Amino acid sequence: MPIIVGNLVEAPIGILADRGWRRRLILSGGAGFALAMAVIAGARWYWMLLAGFALFYPASGAFVSLAQASLMDFDPTRRQSNMARWNFAGRSARSSDPL
């Protein structure tokens, strides 16, 4: 169910981001991401865990994906180096993954 909710919500989020709502969506996605993590961490019942993941998927898309898109759009001439920097930062955060 969380994947279905995420897929249904991410298309309108992308459209709103292109219409000038990107900053607000990133901020609300970050707040939703934090709230979802708190709900998941404190879940005592299955429905709480399910609700946390149902919020986590679209919030993650709004927060992480739109932040990455904003970084890429910030300087189009350095898009490749910015993408490499984004990937390196993600790799170093997951230090247990082999390069």
Foldseek 3Di string as FASTA:
>chain_A
DLVVLLVVPLVVLVVVCVVPCLVVLQVVLVVLLVVLVVQCVPPPDPVSVVVSSSSNNNSCCSHVVSVLVCQCVVDVVCNPVSVVVVVVVVCVVVVVDDD
